Amino acid sequence: MNALGDRVRQAPQAATQGAIRIDDVVKIYDPEGSAVMAVDHCTLDIPAGEICMIVGPSGCGKTTLLNAIAGFHSITSGSIHLDGQLLCGPGKPLAAPGSDRIVVFQNGALFPWKTNLDNVAFGPLMQGKMDRKAIYEKARHMMADAGLSGTENNFPGEVSSGLRRRVEIVRALMNDPKVLLFDEPYRALDSLTKSVMHEALLEVYYKNKVTIFFITHDLEEAIFLGHRLVIMTSRPCRPKKILTVDIPHPRDYGVLTSPRFRELMEETSSVVHEEARKSFASGEREG
């Protein structure tokens, strides 16, 4: 049994917060000029506590959708709700950023001049919602739960890239978000480190009731982590196919050799490949 199997025996209780409703969302860049449609009447319901994996060709509009949820980009029409509350929609094209939605960026966002512990404590300290002692107690406890004991006084540059990613996730969870938004967070990691990080993310997830919206190009990653897999069309972005990953949680890397995992890989690969060919033919690039 690997570390995940040793330490995690049951999936988390059902989350009660973090349900996302994306309803007929359209995003057009430069509507008065070149009018590039990035998102085309996209509708998607993500239940509270779900790990929803988003895959599709580069440049199809996946990140545009994530940025709309986070409040970084406006939408042209449609609406996005979180737990029934309007984030953006008619009369409010841009969602207000909030601690209920935290983005874990592809290139990392830790402060290199702060210790790992200080990085984890930074958000609540700035918000001033708890006293300093309570914040640091919570930070140490969450780092220990994530397997980061002993790294509290290290600086980010003194630990491995995998541990830095884990520190970032714990820092995000310190704000008690309803939703974590991941934009290819493990893209730059080697395959071995990535596999360790997948299991680390699931360990953290099983201990926290949080919805995860996760963009990736790695189909194995998508199936291993996700409850559902949303395959997006080439630009403009909208769901082409939604697959339920009917492999029980908790999971460890043994599921990669299971017949059902291979079936899901084959089914997903054919759909993604079809959209990638369309994207290539139209000359799409990263975006």
C-alpha atoms as a PDB file:
ATOM      1  CA  MET A   1       0.000   0.000   0.000  1.00  0.00           C
ATOM      2  CA  ASN A   2       1.378   3.441  -0.862  1.00  0.00           C
ATOM      3  CA  ALA A   3       1.345   6.558   1.305  1.00  0.00           C
ATOM      4  CA  LEU A   4      -2.104   7.635   0.184  1.00  0.00           C
ATOM      5  CA  GLY A   5      -3.620   4.251   0.898  1.00  0.00           C
ATOM      6  CA  ASP A   6      -1.901   4.087   4.294  1.00  0.00           C
ATOM      7  CA  ARG A   7      -3.110   7.492   5.437  1.00  0.00           C
ATOM      8  CA  VAL A   8      -6.530   7.850   3.810  1.00  0.00           C
ATOM      9  CA  ARG A   9      -9.230   5.258   4.435  1.00  0.00           C
ATOM     10  CA  GLN A  10     -12.388   7.061   3.438  1.00  0.00           C
ATOM     11  CA  ALA A  11     -13.617   9.757   1.091  1.00  0.00           C
ATOM     12  CA  PRO A  12     -14.731  13.097   2.552  1.00  0.00           C
ATOM     13  CA  GLN A  13     -18.260  13.753   3.716  1.00  0.00           C
ATOM     14  CA  ALA A  14     -20.439  15.475   1.143  1.00  0.00           C
ATOM     15  CA  ALA A  15     -19.648  19.168   0.808  1.00  0.00           C
ATOM     16  CA  THR A  16     -22.488  21.610   1.393  1.00  0.00           C
ATOM     17  CA  GLN A  17     -20.855  24.651  -0.247  1.00  0.00           C
ATOM     18  CA  GLY A  18     -19.126  25.345  -3.530  1.00  0.00           C
ATOM     19  CA  ALA A  19     -21.764  24.475  -6.160  1.00  0.00           C
ATOM     20  CA  ILE A  20     -21.010  26.287  -9.426  1.00  0.00           C
ATOM     21  CA  ARG A  21     -23.633  26.971 -12.090  1.00  0.00           C
ATOM     22  CA  ILE A  22     -22.334  28.164 -15.473  1.00  0.00           C
ATOM     23  CA  ASP A  23     -25.390  29.110 -17.506  1.00  0.00           C
ATOM     24  CA  ASP A  24     -25.214  29.879 -21.246  1.00  0.00           C
ATOM     25  CA  VAL A  25     -21.971  31.857 -20.870  1.00  0.00           C
ATOM     26  CA  VAL A  26     -20.530  33.668 -23.873  1.00  0.00           C
ATOM     27  CA  LYS A  27     -17.211  35.508 -23.914  1.00  0.00           C
ATOM     28  CA  ILE A  28     -16.238  37.638 -26.911  1.00  0.00           C
ATOM     29  CA  TYR A  29     -12.937  39.501 -26.899  1.00  0.00           C
ATOM     30  CA  ASP A  30     -12.909  42.864 -28.667  1.00  0.00           C
ATOM     31  CA  PRO A  31     -16.611  42.792 -29.616  1.00  0.00           C
ATOM     32  CA  GLU A  32     -16.300  46.128 -31.446  1.00  0.00           C
ATOM     33  CA  GLY A  33     -13.274  44.999 -33.440  1.00  0.00           C
ATOM     34  CA  SER A  34     -12.069  41.524 -34.388  1.00  0.00           C
ATOM     35  CA  ALA A  35     -14.801  39.912 -32.217  1.00  0.00           C
ATOM     36  CA  VAL A  36     -12.996  36.722 -31.177  1.00  0.00           C
ATOM     37  CA  MET A  37     -15.416  34.329 -29.470  1.00  0.00           C
ATOM     38  CA  ALA A  38     -13.600  32.411 -26.723  1.00  0.00           C
ATOM     39  CA  VAL A  39     -16.593  30.800 -24.970  1.00  0.00           C
ATOM     40  CA  ASP A  40     -19.746  29.827 -26.866  1.00  0.00           C
ATOM     41  CA  HIS A  41     -22.979  29.396 -24.878  1.00  0.00           C
ATOM     42  CA  CYS A  42     -21.314  27.210 -22.265  1.00  0.00           C
ATOM     43  CA  THR A  43     -23.527  25.544 -19.652  1.00  0.00           C
ATOM     44  CA  LEU A  44     -22.144  23.386 -16.866  1.00  0.00           C
ATOM     45  CA  ASP A  45     -23.245  22.429 -13.351  1.00  0.00           C
ATOM     46  CA  ILE A  46     -20.547  21.472 -10.854  1.00  0.00           C
ATOM     47  CA  PRO A  47     -21.882  20.049  -7.570  1.00  0.00           C
ATOM     48  CA  ALA A  48     -20.398  21.135  -4.264  1.00  0.00           C
ATOM     49  CA  GLY A  49     -17.284  19.141  -3.405  1.00  0.00           C
ATOM     50  CA  GLU A  50     -16.705  17.746  -6.891  1.00  0.00           C
ATOM     51  CA  ILE A  51     -13.308  17.496  -8.556  1.00  0.00           C
ATOM     52  CA  CYS A  52     -14.232  18.660 -12.055  1.00  0.00           C
ATOM     53  CA  MET A  53     -11.461  18.202 -14.603  1.00  0.00           C
ATOM     54  CA  ILE A  54     -11.514  20.402 -17.708  1.00  0.00           C
ATOM     55  CA  VAL A  55      -9.620  19.250 -20.806  1.00  0.00           C
ATOM     56  CA  GLY A  56      -9.470  20.493 -24.366  1.00  0.00           C
ATOM     57  CA  PRO A  57      -7.127  21.839 -27.039  1.00  0.00           C
ATOM     58  CA  SER A  58      -4.730  24.675 -26.247  1.00  0.00           C
ATOM     59  CA  GLY A  59      -6.338  28.029 -26.841  1.00  0.00           C
ATOM     60  CA  CYS A  60      -9.896  26.694 -26.748  1.00  0.00           C
ATOM     61  CA  GLY A  61     -11.057  29.002 -23.936  1.00  0.00           C
ATOM     62  CA  LYS A  62     -10.653  26.855 -20.801  1.00  0.00           C
ATOM     63  CA  THR A  63      -8.605  29.456 -18.957  1.00  0.00           C
ATOM     64  CA  THR A  64     -11.008  32.207 -20.037  1.00  0.00           C
ATOM     65  CA  LEU A  65     -13.778  30.288 -18.255  1.00  0.00           C
ATOM     66  CA  LEU A  66     -11.663  29.828 -15.123  1.00  0.00           C
ATOM     67  CA  ASN A  67     -10.804  33.528 -15.127  1.00  0.00           C
ATOM     68  CA  ALA A  68     -14.484  34.428 -15.339  1.00  0.00           C
ATOM     69  CA  ILE A  69     -15.224  32.326 -12.242  1.00  0.00           C
ATOM     70  CA  ALA A  70     -12.272  33.897 -10.412  1.00  0.00           C
ATOM     71  CA  GLY A  71     -13.278  37.440 -11.358  1.00  0.00           C
ATOM     72  CA  PHE A  72     -10.282  38.182 -13.578  1.00  0.00           C
ATOM     73  CA  HIS A  73     -12.244  38.436 -16.861  1.00  0.00           C
ATOM     74  CA  SER A  74     -15.751  39.659 -17.627  1.00  0.00           C
ATOM     75  CA  ILE A  75     -18.320  37.652 -19.586  1.00  0.00           C
ATOM     76  CA  THR A  76     -20.293  38.936 -22.558  1.00  0.00           C
ATOM     77  CA  SER A  77     -23.581  37.204 -21.719  1.00  0.00           C
ATOM     78  CA  GLY A  78     -24.989  34.404 -19.612  1.00  0.00           C
ATOM     79  CA  SER A  79     -24.355  34.030 -15.893  1.00  0.00           C
ATOM     80  CA  ILE A  80     -22.226  32.240 -13.303  1.00  0.00           C
ATOM     81  CA  HIS A  81     -23.550  31.459  -9.830  1.00  0.00           C
ATOM     82  CA  LEU A  82     -21.839  30.109  -6.713  1.00  0.00           C
ATOM     83  CA  ASP A  83     -24.204  28.426  -4.263  1.00  0.00           C
ATOM     84  CA  GLY A  84     -27.105  30.216  -5.927  1.00  0.00           C
ATOM     85  CA  GLN A  85     -25.528  33.662  -5.582  1.00  0.00           C
ATOM     86  CA  LEU A  86     -24.763  35.594  -8.758  1.00  0.00           C
ATOM     87  CA  LEU A  87     -21.041  36.009  -9.421  1.00  0.00           C
ATOM     88  CA  CYS A  88     -21.467  37.582 -12.846  1.00  0.00           C
ATOM     89  CA  GLY A  89     -24.302  37.958 -15.306  1.00  0.00           C
ATOM     90  CA  PRO A  90     -26.820  40.521 -16.532  1.00  0.00           C
ATOM     91  CA  GLY A  91     -25.843  43.950 -15.234  1.00  0.00           C
ATOM     92  CA  LYS A  92     -22.710  42.521 -13.601  1.00  0.00           C
ATOM     93  CA  PRO A  93     -20.326  41.263 -16.306  1.00  0.00           C
ATOM     94  CA  LEU A  94     -17.323  40.940 -13.971  1.00  0.00           C
ATOM     95  CA  ALA A  95     -17.362  38.834 -10.793  1.00  0.00           C
ATOM     96  CA  ALA A  96     -15.832  40.392  -7.710  1.00  0.00           C
ATOM     97  CA  PRO A  97     -12.720  38.457  -6.632  1.00  0.00           C
ATOM     98  CA  GLY A  98     -13.171  36.816  -3.249  1.00  0.00           C
ATOM     99  CA  SER A  99     -11.574  34.450  -0.788  1.00  0.00           C
ATOM    100  CA  ASP A 100     -14.343  31.958  -1.549  1.00  0.00           C
ATOM    101  CA  ARG A 101     -12.579  31.276  -4.899  1.00  0.00           C
ATOM    102  CA  ILE A 102      -8.808  30.802  -4.806  1.00  0.00           C
ATOM    103  CA  VAL A 103      -6.623  30.300  -7.885  1.00  0.00           C
ATOM    104  CA  VAL A 104      -3.557  28.042  -7.794  1.00  0.00           C
ATOM    105  CA  PHE A 105      -1.461  29.386 -10.652  1.00  0.00           C
ATOM    106  CA  GLN A 106       0.591  27.363 -13.120  1.00  0.00           C
ATOM    107  CA  ASN A 107       3.849  29.158 -12.341  1.00  0.00           C
ATOM    108  CA  GLY A 108       3.423  29.399  -8.594  1.00  0.00           C
ATOM    109  CA  ALA A 109       2.867  32.454  -6.431  1.00  0.00           C
ATOM    110  CA  LEU A 110       4.793  31.917  -3.201  1.00  0.00           C
ATOM    111  CA  PHE A 111       6.811  34.819  -1.818  1.00  0.00           C
ATOM    112  CA  PRO A 112      10.456  33.645  -2.042  1.00  0.00           C
ATOM    113  CA  TRP A 113      11.559  35.933   0.797  1.00  0.00           C
ATOM    114  CA  LYS A 114       9.039  34.469   3.266  1.00  0.00           C
ATOM    115  CA  THR A 115       9.276  31.082   4.973  1.00  0.00           C
ATOM    116  CA  ASN A 116       6.808  28.402   3.995  1.00  0.00           C
ATOM    117  CA  LEU A 117       4.946  28.958   7.258  1.00  0.00           C
ATOM    118  CA  ASP A 118       4.747  32.705   6.665  1.00  0.00           C
ATOM    119  CA  ASN A 119       3.504  32.077   3.119  1.00  0.00           C
ATOM    120  CA  VAL A 120       0.727  29.826   4.414  1.00  0.00           C
ATOM    121  CA  ALA A 121      -0.286  32.367   7.062  1.00  0.00           C
ATOM    122  CA  PHE A 122      -0.137  35.381   4.743  1.00  0.00           C
ATOM    123  CA  GLY A 123      -3.763  35.511   3.553  1.00  0.00           C
ATOM    124  CA  PRO A 124      -5.496  35.368   6.940  1.00  0.00           C
ATOM    125  CA  LEU A 125      -2.947  37.827   8.356  1.00  0.00           C
ATOM    126  CA  MET A 126      -3.820  40.346   5.640  1.00  0.00           C
ATOM    127  CA  GLN A 127      -7.547  39.799   6.162  1.00  0.00           C
ATOM    128  CA  GLY A 128      -7.225  40.351   9.903  1.00  0.00           C
ATOM    129  CA  LYS A 129     -10.091  37.981  10.710  1.00  0.00           C
ATOM    130  CA  MET A 130      -8.132  35.960  13.293  1.00  0.00           C
ATOM    131  CA  ASP A 131      -5.477  36.823  15.831  1.00  0.00           C
ATOM    132  CA  ARG A 132      -1.878  36.109  14.890  1.00  0.00           C
ATOM    133  CA  LYS A 133      -1.412  33.203  17.302  1.00  0.00           C
ATOM    134  CA  ALA A 134      -4.528  31.404  16.051  1.00  0.00           C
ATOM    135  CA  ILE A 135      -3.467  31.919  12.444  1.00  0.00           C
ATOM    136  CA  TYR A 136      -0.049  30.356  12.982  1.00  0.00           C
ATOM    137  CA  GLU A 137      -1.530  27.478  14.970  1.00  0.00           C
ATOM    138  CA  LYS A 138      -3.918  26.776  12.110  1.00  0.00           C
ATOM    139  CA  ALA A 139      -1.097  27.093   9.562  1.00  0.00           C
ATOM    140  CA  ARG A 140       1.115  24.599  11.411  1.00  0.00           C
ATOM    141  CA  HIS A 141      -1.772  22.168  11.800  1.00  0.00           C
ATOM    142  CA  MET A 142      -2.697  22.315   8.114  1.00  0.00           C
ATOM    143  CA  MET A 143       0.918  21.945   7.031  1.00  0.00           C
ATOM    144  CA  ALA A 144       1.248  18.874   9.234  1.00  0.00           C
ATOM    145  CA  ASP A 145      -1.939  17.405   7.738  1.00  0.00           C
ATOM    146  CA  ALA A 146      -0.460  17.936   4.270  1.00  0.00           C
ATOM    147  CA  GLY A 147       2.803  16.195   5.130  1.00  0.00           C
ATOM    148  CA  LEU A 148       4.803  19.427   5.392  1.00  0.00           C
ATOM    149  CA  SER A 149       6.031  19.105   8.972  1.00  0.00           C
ATOM    150  CA  GLY A 150       9.687  20.090   9.159  1.00  0.00           C
ATOM    151  CA  THR A 151       9.487  22.523   6.240  1.00  0.00           C
ATOM    152  CA  GLU A 152       7.841  25.406   8.121  1.00  0.00           C
ATOM    153  CA  ASN A 153      11.046  27.420   8.523  1.00  0.00           C
ATOM    154  CA  ASN A 154      12.412  26.687   5.058  1.00  0.00           C
ATOM    155  CA  PHE A 155      12.069  29.197   2.264  1.00  0.00           C
ATOM    156  CA  PRO A 156      10.322  28.049  -0.929  1.00  0.00           C
ATOM    157  CA  GLY A 157      13.628  27.858  -2.790  1.00  0.00           C
ATOM    158  CA  GLU A 158      14.982  25.422  -0.219  1.00  0.00           C
ATOM    159  CA  VAL A 159      12.402  22.683  -0.858  1.00  0.00           C
ATOM    160  CA  SER A 160      11.512  20.617  -3.926  1.00  0.00           C
ATOM    161  CA  SER A 161       9.085  21.839  -6.565  1.00  0.00           C
ATOM    162  CA  GLY A 162       6.595  19.224  -5.398  1.00  0.00           C
ATOM    163  CA  LEU A 163       6.688  20.478  -1.819  1.00  0.00           C
ATOM    164  CA  ARG A 164       6.332  24.074  -3.037  1.00  0.00           C
ATOM    165  CA  ARG A 165       3.150  23.121  -4.879  1.00  0.00           C
ATOM    166  CA  ARG A 166       1.848  21.499  -1.708  1.00  0.00           C
ATOM    167  CA  VAL A 167       2.609  24.675   0.273  1.00  0.00           C
ATOM    168  CA  GLU A 168       0.626  26.662  -2.297  1.00  0.00           C
ATOM    169  CA  ILE A 169      -2.399  24.420  -1.925  1.00  0.00           C
ATOM    170  CA  VAL A 170      -2.279  24.659   1.872  1.00  0.00           C
ATOM    171  CA  ARG A 171      -1.934  28.443   1.607  1.00  0.00           C
ATOM    172  CA  ALA A 172      -5.053  28.517  -0.571  1.00  0.00           C
ATOM    173  CA  LEU A 173      -6.990  26.341   1.895  1.00  0.00           C
ATOM    174  CA  MET A 174      -6.025  28.615   4.798  1.00  0.00           C
ATOM    175  CA  ASN A 175      -8.624  31.070   3.484  1.00  0.00           C
ATOM    176  CA  ASP A 176     -11.398  28.457   3.832  1.00  0.00           C
ATOM    177  CA  PRO A 177     -12.446  28.760   0.179  1.00  0.00           C
ATOM    178  CA  LYS A 178     -15.489  27.104  -1.316  1.00  0.00           C
ATOM    179  CA  VAL A 179     -13.704  26.568  -4.634  1.00  0.00           C
ATOM    180  CA  LEU A 180     -10.102  25.950  -5.701  1.00  0.00           C
ATOM    181  CA  LEU A 181      -9.303  26.883  -9.302  1.00  0.00           C
ATOM    182  CA  PHE A 182      -6.297  25.100 -10.824  1.00  0.00           C
ATOM    183  CA  ASP A 183      -4.817  26.097 -14.187  1.00  0.00           C
ATOM    184  CA  GLU A 184      -2.408  23.269 -15.087  1.00  0.00           C
ATOM    185  CA  PRO A 185      -0.592  23.501 -11.750  1.00  0.00           C
ATOM    186  CA  TYR A 186       1.632  20.473 -12.400  1.00  0.00           C
ATOM    187  CA  ARG A 187       2.480  21.130 -16.034  1.00  0.00           C
ATOM    188  CA  ALA A 188       6.155  21.877 -15.389  1.00  0.00           C
ATOM    189  CA  LEU A 189       6.769  18.884 -13.088  1.00  0.00           C
ATOM    190  CA  ASP A 190       8.439  15.641 -14.124  1.00  0.00           C
ATOM    191  CA  SER A 191       6.221  12.553 -14.208  1.00  0.00           C
ATOM    192  CA  LEU A 192       7.453  11.130 -10.888  1.00  0.00           C
ATOM    193  CA  THR A 193       6.982  14.388  -8.997  1.00  0.00           C
ATOM    194  CA  LYS A 194       3.613  14.849 -10.665  1.00  0.00           C
ATOM    195  CA  SER A 195       2.411  11.444  -9.455  1.00  0.00           C
ATOM    196  CA  VAL A 196       3.426  12.311  -5.895  1.00  0.00           C
ATOM    197  CA  MET A 197       1.602  15.639  -6.171  1.00  0.00           C
ATOM    198  CA  HIS A 198      -1.563  13.962  -7.427  1.00  0.00           C
ATOM    199  CA  GLU A 199      -1.670  11.782  -4.347  1.00  0.00           C
ATOM    200  CA  ALA A 200      -0.819  14.749  -2.121  1.00  0.00           C
ATOM    201  CA  LEU A 201      -3.678  16.757  -3.622  1.00  0.00           C
ATOM    202  CA  LEU A 202      -6.114  13.924  -2.991  1.00  0.00           C
ATOM    203  CA  GLU A 203      -4.892  13.611   0.599  1.00  0.00           C
ATOM    204  CA  VAL A 204      -5.596  17.299   1.148  1.00  0.00           C
ATOM    205  CA  TYR A 205      -8.917  17.064  -0.685  1.00  0.00           C
ATOM    206  CA  TYR A 206     -10.142  14.146   1.425  1.00  0.00           C
ATOM    207  CA  LYS A 207      -9.629  16.269   4.537  1.00  0.00           C
ATOM    208  CA  ASN A 208     -11.280  19.425   3.194  1.00  0.00           C
ATOM    209  CA  LYS A 209     -14.754  20.026   1.804  1.00  0.00           C
ATOM    210  CA  VAL A 210     -13.875  22.043  -1.268  1.00  0.00           C
ATOM    211  CA  THR A 211     -14.917  22.101  -4.931  1.00  0.00           C
ATOM    212  CA  ILE A 212     -12.056  21.808  -7.424  1.00  0.00           C
ATOM    213  CA  PHE A 213     -12.157  23.205 -10.981  1.00  0.00           C
ATOM    214  CA  PHE A 214      -8.985  21.846 -12.582  1.00  0.00           C
ATOM    215  CA  ILE A 215      -7.695  22.572 -16.098  1.00  0.00           C
ATOM    216  CA  THR A 216      -5.221  20.108 -17.594  1.00  0.00           C
ATOM    217  CA  HIS A 217      -3.945  18.671 -20.873  1.00  0.00           C
ATOM    218  CA  ASP A 218      -2.892  15.445 -19.136  1.00  0.00           C
ATOM    219  CA  LEU A 219      -5.637  12.863 -19.653  1.00  0.00           C
ATOM    220  CA  GLU A 220      -4.169  10.398 -17.162  1.00  0.00           C
ATOM    221  CA  GLU A 221      -4.099  13.188 -14.554  1.00  0.00           C
ATOM    222  CA  ALA A 222      -7.692  14.139 -15.378  1.00  0.00           C
ATOM    223  CA  ILE A 223      -9.045  10.623 -14.968  1.00  0.00           C
ATOM    224  CA  PHE A 224      -6.982   9.808 -11.881  1.00  0.00           C
ATOM    225  CA  LEU A 225      -8.083  12.922  -9.987  1.00  0.00           C
ATOM    226  CA  GLY A 226     -11.553  13.721 -11.227  1.00  0.00           C
ATOM    227  CA  HIS A 227     -15.097  12.787 -10.381  1.00  0.00           C
ATOM    228  CA  ARG A 228     -16.089  14.057 -13.810  1.00  0.00           C
ATOM    229  CA  LEU A 229     -14.179  14.953 -16.944  1.00  0.00           C
ATOM    230  CA  VAL A 230     -15.463  17.781 -19.153  1.00  0.00           C
ATOM    231  CA  ILE A 231     -14.023  17.690 -22.664  1.00  0.00           C
ATOM    232  CA  MET A 232     -14.221  21.099 -24.319  1.00  0.00           C
ATOM    233  CA  THR A 233     -14.499  21.825 -28.018  1.00  0.00           C
ATOM    234  CA  SER A 234     -11.836  23.694 -29.927  1.00  0.00           C
ATOM    235  CA  ARG A 235     -12.392  27.445 -29.764  1.00  0.00           C
ATOM    236  CA  PRO A 236     -14.957  28.688 -29.029  1.00  0.00           C
ATOM    237  CA  CYS A 237     -15.166  26.676 -25.826  1.00  0.00           C
ATOM    238  CA  ARG A 238     -18.228  24.694 -24.784  1.00  0.00           C
ATOM    239  CA  PRO A 239     -18.631  21.175 -23.368  1.00  0.00           C
ATOM    240  CA  LYS A 240     -18.481  18.505 -26.056  1.00  0.00           C
ATOM    241  CA  LYS A 241     -18.664  15.484 -23.783  1.00  0.00           C
ATOM    242  CA  ILE A 242     -18.900  14.952 -20.029  1.00  0.00           C
ATOM    243  CA  LEU A 243     -17.645  11.670 -18.606  1.00  0.00           C
ATOM    244  CA  THR A 244     -18.287  10.396 -15.107  1.00  0.00           C
ATOM    245  CA  VAL A 245     -15.168   8.751 -13.701  1.00  0.00           C
ATOM    246  CA  ASP A 246     -16.872   5.823 -12.003  1.00  0.00           C
ATOM    247  CA  ILE A 247     -13.792   4.683 -10.092  1.00  0.00           C
ATOM    248  CA  PRO A 248     -14.428   4.887  -6.344  1.00  0.00           C
ATOM    249  CA  HIS A 249     -12.589   7.308  -4.090  1.00  0.00           C
ATOM    250  CA  PRO A 250     -10.246   7.159  -2.285  1.00  0.00           C
ATOM    251  CA  ARG A 251      -7.859   6.277  -5.105  1.00  0.00           C
ATOM    252  CA  ASP A 252      -4.216   5.393  -5.352  1.00  0.00           C
ATOM    253  CA  TYR A 253      -2.014   4.811  -8.370  1.00  0.00           C
ATOM    254  CA  GLY A 254      -3.031   1.166  -8.552  1.00  0.00           C
ATOM    255  CA  VAL A 255      -6.171   2.270 -10.431  1.00  0.00           C
ATOM    256  CA  LEU A 256      -4.035   3.188 -13.473  1.00  0.00           C
ATOM    257  CA  THR A 257      -3.719  -0.494 -14.337  1.00  0.00           C
ATOM    258  CA  SER A 258      -7.425  -1.257 -13.927  1.00  0.00           C
ATOM    259  CA  PRO A 259      -9.497  -2.166 -16.999  1.00  0.00           C
ATOM    260  CA  ARG A 260     -11.972   0.651 -16.315  1.00  0.00           C
ATOM    261  CA  PHE A 261      -9.204   3.261 -16.182  1.00  0.00           C
ATOM    262  CA  ARG A 262      -7.882   2.116 -19.556  1.00  0.00           C
ATOM    263  CA  GLU A 263     -11.406   2.182 -21.005  1.00  0.00           C
ATOM    264  CA  LEU A 264     -11.857   5.764 -19.842  1.00  0.00           C
ATOM    265  CA  MET A 265      -8.479   6.716 -21.302  1.00  0.00           C
ATOM    266  CA  GLU A 266      -9.437   5.292 -24.690  1.00  0.00           C
ATOM    267  CA  GLU A 267     -12.833   6.970 -24.684  1.00  0.00           C
ATOM    268  CA  THR A 268     -11.382  10.326 -23.644  1.00  0.00           C
ATOM    269  CA  SER A 269      -8.422  10.196 -26.016  1.00  0.00           C
ATOM    270  CA  SER A 270     -10.582   9.732 -29.102  1.00  0.00           C
ATOM    271  CA  VAL A 271     -12.762  12.745 -28.298  1.00  0.00           C
ATOM    272  CA  VAL A 272      -9.847  15.005 -27.342  1.00  0.00           C
ATOM    273  CA  HIS A 273      -7.880  13.956 -30.416  1.00  0.00           C
ATOM    274  CA  GLU A 274     -10.793  14.900 -32.651  1.00  0.00           C
ATOM    275  CA  GLU A 275     -10.957  18.401 -31.159  1.00  0.00           C
ATOM    276  CA  ALA A 276      -7.168  18.787 -31.230  1.00  0.00           C
ATOM    277  CA  ARG A 277      -7.183  18.081 -34.970  1.00  0.00           C
ATOM    278  CA  LYS A 278      -9.815  20.764 -35.481  1.00  0.00           C
ATOM    279  CA  SER A 279      -7.762  23.198 -33.427  1.00  0.00           C
ATOM    280  CA  PHE A 280      -4.590  22.413 -35.371  1.00  0.00           C
ATOM    281  CA  ALA A 281      -6.385  22.816 -38.683  1.00  0.00           C
ATOM    282  CA  SER A 282      -7.682  26.237 -37.672  1.00  0.00           C
ATOM    283  CA  GLY A 283      -4.238  27.389 -36.539  1.00  0.00           C
ATOM    284  CA  GLU A 284      -4.998  27.785 -32.845  1.00  0.00           C
ATOM    285  CA  ARG A 285      -2.123  28.290 -30.426  1.00  0.00           C
ATOM    286  CA  GLU A 286      -1.688  28.545 -26.679  1.00  0.00           C
ATOM    287  CA  GLY A 287      -4.174  30.744 -24.858  1.00  0.00           C
END
